[in-house]
Protein backbone atom coordinates (compact mmCIF):
# COMPACT_ATOMS: atom_id res chain seq x y z
CA UNK A 1 -6.52 0.48 -33.94
CA UNK A 2 -7.14 4.18 -33.63
CA UNK A 3 -5.34 7.31 -34.71
CA UNK A 4 -3.80 9.89 -32.41
CA UNK A 5 -6.64 12.24 -33.43
CA UNK A 6 -9.08 9.87 -31.62
CA UNK A 7 -7.28 10.01 -28.24
CA UNK A 8 -9.36 10.69 -25.13
CA UNK A 9 -8.53 10.88 -21.42
CA UNK A 10 -8.72 7.42 -19.84
CA UNK A 11 -8.15 5.56 -23.12
CA UNK A 12 -5.67 2.68 -22.76
CA UNK A 13 -3.00 2.20 -25.43
CA UNK A 14 -0.79 -0.79 -26.13
CA UNK A 15 2.66 0.66 -26.84
CA UNK A 16 5.55 -1.79 -27.31
CA UNK A 17 3.69 -4.51 -25.38
CA UNK A 18 2.97 -2.31 -22.35
CA UNK A 19 -0.36 -0.77 -21.40
CA UNK A 20 -0.49 3.01 -21.01
CA UNK A 21 -3.52 5.11 -19.97
CA UNK A 22 -3.90 8.59 -21.47
CA UNK A 23 -3.87 11.12 -18.59
CA UNK A 24 -4.06 14.21 -20.77
CA UNK A 25 -3.56 15.11 -24.41
CA UNK A 26 -3.26 18.23 -26.52
CA UNK A 27 -3.57 18.53 -30.29
CA UNK A 28 -0.99 21.12 -31.42
CA UNK A 29 -1.01 22.74 -34.84
CA UNK A 30 2.00 25.04 -35.10
CA UNK A 31 2.11 27.80 -37.71
CA UNK A 32 4.98 26.06 -39.44
CA UNK A 33 5.35 22.30 -39.83
CA UNK A 34 3.00 19.36 -39.34
CA UNK A 35 0.47 19.01 -36.53
CA UNK A 36 1.24 16.73 -33.58
CA UNK A 37 -0.37 15.38 -30.42
CA UNK A 38 1.37 15.97 -27.09
CA UNK A 39 0.28 13.44 -24.43
CA UNK A 40 0.93 12.56 -20.82
CA UNK A 41 0.52 8.79 -20.38
CA UNK A 42 0.64 6.57 -17.29
CA UNK A 43 1.87 2.98 -17.24
CA UNK A 44 -1.09 0.93 -15.99
CA UNK A 45 1.05 -1.58 -14.08
CA UNK A 46 3.90 0.51 -12.64
CA UNK A 47 2.12 3.88 -12.33
CA UNK A 48 5.02 5.68 -14.05
CA UNK A 49 3.91 8.86 -15.89
CA UNK A 50 5.75 10.00 -19.03
CA UNK A 51 5.30 12.64 -21.73
CA UNK A 52 5.07 11.33 -25.29
CA UNK A 53 4.57 13.17 -28.57
CA UNK A 54 2.91 11.58 -31.61
CA UNK A 55 2.58 12.89 -35.16
CA UNK A 56 -1.07 13.78 -35.89
CA UNK A 57 -2.95 10.94 -37.55
CA UNK A 58 -0.45 8.24 -36.49
CA UNK A 59 -2.07 4.85 -35.86
CA UNK A 60 -1.85 3.58 -32.27
CA UNK A 61 -3.02 0.25 -30.91
CA UNK A 62 -5.74 0.50 -28.26
CA UNK A 63 -6.21 -2.08 -25.52
CA UNK A 64 -9.56 -3.23 -24.23
CA UNK A 65 -9.73 -2.82 -20.46
CA UNK A 66 -12.71 -4.41 -18.76
CA UNK A 67 -13.65 -2.55 -15.55
CA UNK A 68 -16.14 -4.42 -13.38
CA UNK A 69 -17.73 -3.73 -9.99
CA UNK A 70 -16.63 -6.49 -7.68
CA UNK A 71 -17.02 -7.29 -4.00
CA UNK A 72 -14.00 -8.21 -1.88
CA UNK A 73 -14.71 -11.52 -0.14
CA UNK A 74 -11.58 -12.65 1.73
CA UNK A 75 -7.82 -13.18 1.71
CA UNK A 76 -7.03 -16.87 1.19
CA UNK A 77 -3.51 -16.50 2.61
CA UNK A 78 -1.79 -15.73 -0.69
CA UNK A 79 -4.34 -13.87 -2.85
CA UNK A 80 -7.31 -11.56 -2.42
CA UNK A 81 -10.59 -13.06 -3.67
CA UNK A 82 -13.17 -10.81 -5.38
CA UNK A 83 -16.65 -11.69 -6.68
CA UNK A 84 -18.37 -10.08 -9.66
CA UNK A 85 -21.63 -8.58 -8.33
CA UNK A 86 -23.57 -9.48 -11.51
CA UNK A 87 -22.27 -12.91 -12.57
CA UNK A 88 -20.97 -14.13 -9.17
CA UNK A 89 -17.71 -15.23 -10.81
CA UNK A 90 -14.75 -15.18 -8.45
CA UNK A 91 -11.35 -13.71 -9.28
CA UNK A 92 -8.07 -13.95 -7.37
CA UNK A 93 -5.84 -10.87 -7.21
CA UNK A 94 -2.19 -11.06 -6.12
CA UNK A 95 -0.81 -8.77 -3.37
CA UNK A 96 1.54 -7.13 -5.91
CA UNK A 97 -1.43 -5.95 -8.01
CA UNK A 98 -3.38 -4.85 -4.91
CA UNK A 99 -0.63 -2.44 -3.81
CA UNK A 100 -1.72 0.10 -1.18
CA UNK A 101 -5.42 -0.75 -1.68
CA UNK A 102 -5.09 -3.46 1.00
CA UNK A 103 -4.63 -0.72 3.63
CA UNK A 104 -8.25 0.43 3.15
CA UNK A 105 -10.05 -2.76 2.13
CA UNK A 106 -12.61 -4.54 4.33
CA UNK A 107 -14.51 -7.75 3.62
CA UNK A 108 -17.74 -7.25 1.60
CA UNK A 109 -16.52 -3.84 0.36
CA UNK A 110 -17.02 -2.99 -3.32
CA UNK A 111 -14.18 -2.01 -5.65
CA UNK A 112 -13.57 -1.72 -9.39
CA UNK A 113 -11.29 -4.42 -10.79
CA UNK A 114 -9.74 -3.73 -14.22
CA UNK A 115 -8.67 -6.64 -16.41
CA UNK A 116 -7.12 -7.00 -19.86
CA UNK A 117 -7.32 -10.37 -21.62
CA UNK A 118 -7.93 -12.17 -18.30
CA UNK A 119 -5.01 -10.47 -16.52
CA UNK A 120 -5.82 -8.23 -13.56
CA UNK A 121 -4.27 -4.78 -14.06
CA UNK A 122 -5.31 -2.89 -10.92
CA UNK A 123 -7.93 -2.54 -8.19
CA UNK A 124 -9.57 0.87 -7.80
CA UNK A 125 -11.19 1.76 -4.47
CA UNK A 126 -13.67 4.60 -3.95
CA UNK A 127 -12.04 8.00 -3.27
CA UNK A 128 -12.87 7.67 0.45
CA UNK A 129 -13.81 4.85 2.81
CA UNK A 130 -15.27 4.72 6.31
CA UNK A 131 -13.12 2.87 8.85
CA UNK A 132 -13.12 2.46 12.63
CA UNK A 133 -10.18 3.72 14.71
CA UNK A 134 -8.96 0.55 16.43
CA UNK A 135 -6.47 2.26 18.73
CA UNK A 136 -5.17 5.74 19.43
CA UNK A 137 -3.70 7.29 22.55
CA UNK A 138 -6.00 9.66 24.42
CA UNK A 139 -5.50 13.39 23.86
CA UNK A 140 -3.55 15.26 26.52
CA UNK A 141 -4.91 18.00 28.81
CA UNK A 142 -4.80 21.32 26.99
CA UNK A 143 -5.26 19.80 23.56
CA UNK A 144 -7.32 21.90 21.19
CA UNK A 145 -9.72 20.73 18.53
CA UNK A 146 -7.40 22.09 15.86
CA UNK A 147 -3.70 22.28 15.30
CA UNK A 148 -2.32 18.89 16.34
CA UNK A 149 -2.33 15.31 15.15
CA UNK A 150 -1.50 11.92 16.62
CA UNK A 151 -1.08 8.42 15.16
CA UNK A 152 -4.09 6.10 15.03
CA UNK A 153 -4.35 2.45 13.94
CA UNK A 154 -7.37 1.65 11.76
CA UNK A 155 -9.30 -1.62 11.71
CA UNK A 156 -7.37 -2.67 8.59
CA UNK A 157 -4.04 -2.26 10.42
CA UNK A 158 -3.04 0.91 8.54
CA UNK A 159 -1.67 3.73 10.72
CA UNK A 160 -2.60 7.33 9.84
CA UNK A 161 -2.45 10.76 11.48
CA UNK A 162 -5.71 11.98 13.06
CA UNK A 163 -6.68 15.08 15.08
CA UNK A 164 -6.02 15.01 18.84
CA UNK A 165 -9.71 14.95 19.82
CA UNK A 166 -10.43 11.52 18.24
CA UNK A 167 -10.72 8.45 20.47
CA UNK A 168 -10.55 4.69 19.91
CA UNK A 169 -13.74 3.16 18.49
CA UNK A 170 -14.81 6.21 16.45
CA UNK A 171 -15.69 5.81 12.77
CA UNK A 172 -13.82 8.16 10.43
CA UNK A 173 -13.64 8.89 6.70
CA UNK A 174 -10.22 8.29 5.09
CA UNK A 175 -8.95 9.34 1.64
CA UNK A 176 -7.77 6.17 -0.16
CA UNK A 177 -5.39 8.06 -2.46
CA UNK A 178 -3.09 9.51 0.22
CA UNK A 179 -4.34 8.06 3.53
CA UNK A 180 -5.38 11.41 4.96
CA UNK A 181 -8.11 11.93 7.58
CA UNK A 182 -11.22 13.53 6.07
CA UNK A 183 -13.59 13.72 9.05
CA UNK A 184 -15.80 11.89 11.51
CA UNK A 185 -18.72 9.79 10.34
CA UNK A 186 -21.93 10.70 12.09
CA UNK A 187 -23.77 7.69 13.51
C-alpha cells in the first residue's frame, strides 16, 4: 500500500482488480479546498489511457511488476517461448499478449517481459530493431532519393513504407512503436 503522495511515473497500481500504470501525475493544491492528485493512468493489459483524480493522501494498492530481460527462442505453433537470460527459465507468452510485437520479433532477439504474480502482462521490445527487407519492387526511372515511398515486406512478414531508393536484401532500422522506417544500417 502507498498513498497518492508517493505516486511516480511508471508505478503500477491495482485499482478494482485491474492493473494501471501511472503515465503522469500532478499534485494540485488549490487556494481553497483540499489538495488532490491529478493522474493519467494506462491500463496495462488493454492499453486504454484515462484521467483519474485522487484526494491527496488517499491509500492506493500498488502491484509488483517483475520486468526481466528475456530472449525470444521460438514459436511452438500456439505460443511464443522466451528464456530468462540469467536463470534460463522458459516462459510461454500467448499471441494475445504479444500484440504487435510479433511484427518485429526475430529468434534470439532480446525483449523485456513483464509479469505480475506469474501472469505475463506485456512484452516490450527495444525502441528500434534492425531487419532485412525481404522484398520490395525496384524504384522507377526518375525516382529521387527523397519524396516518395513504396511498400516493402520485412523478414518478419510485416509490410511497411520505405523510401524509393531501397532494394530487396538491404538491412534497415525500424521503429517498433509505429512501424516507421528510420534509416539504413551500415554494414
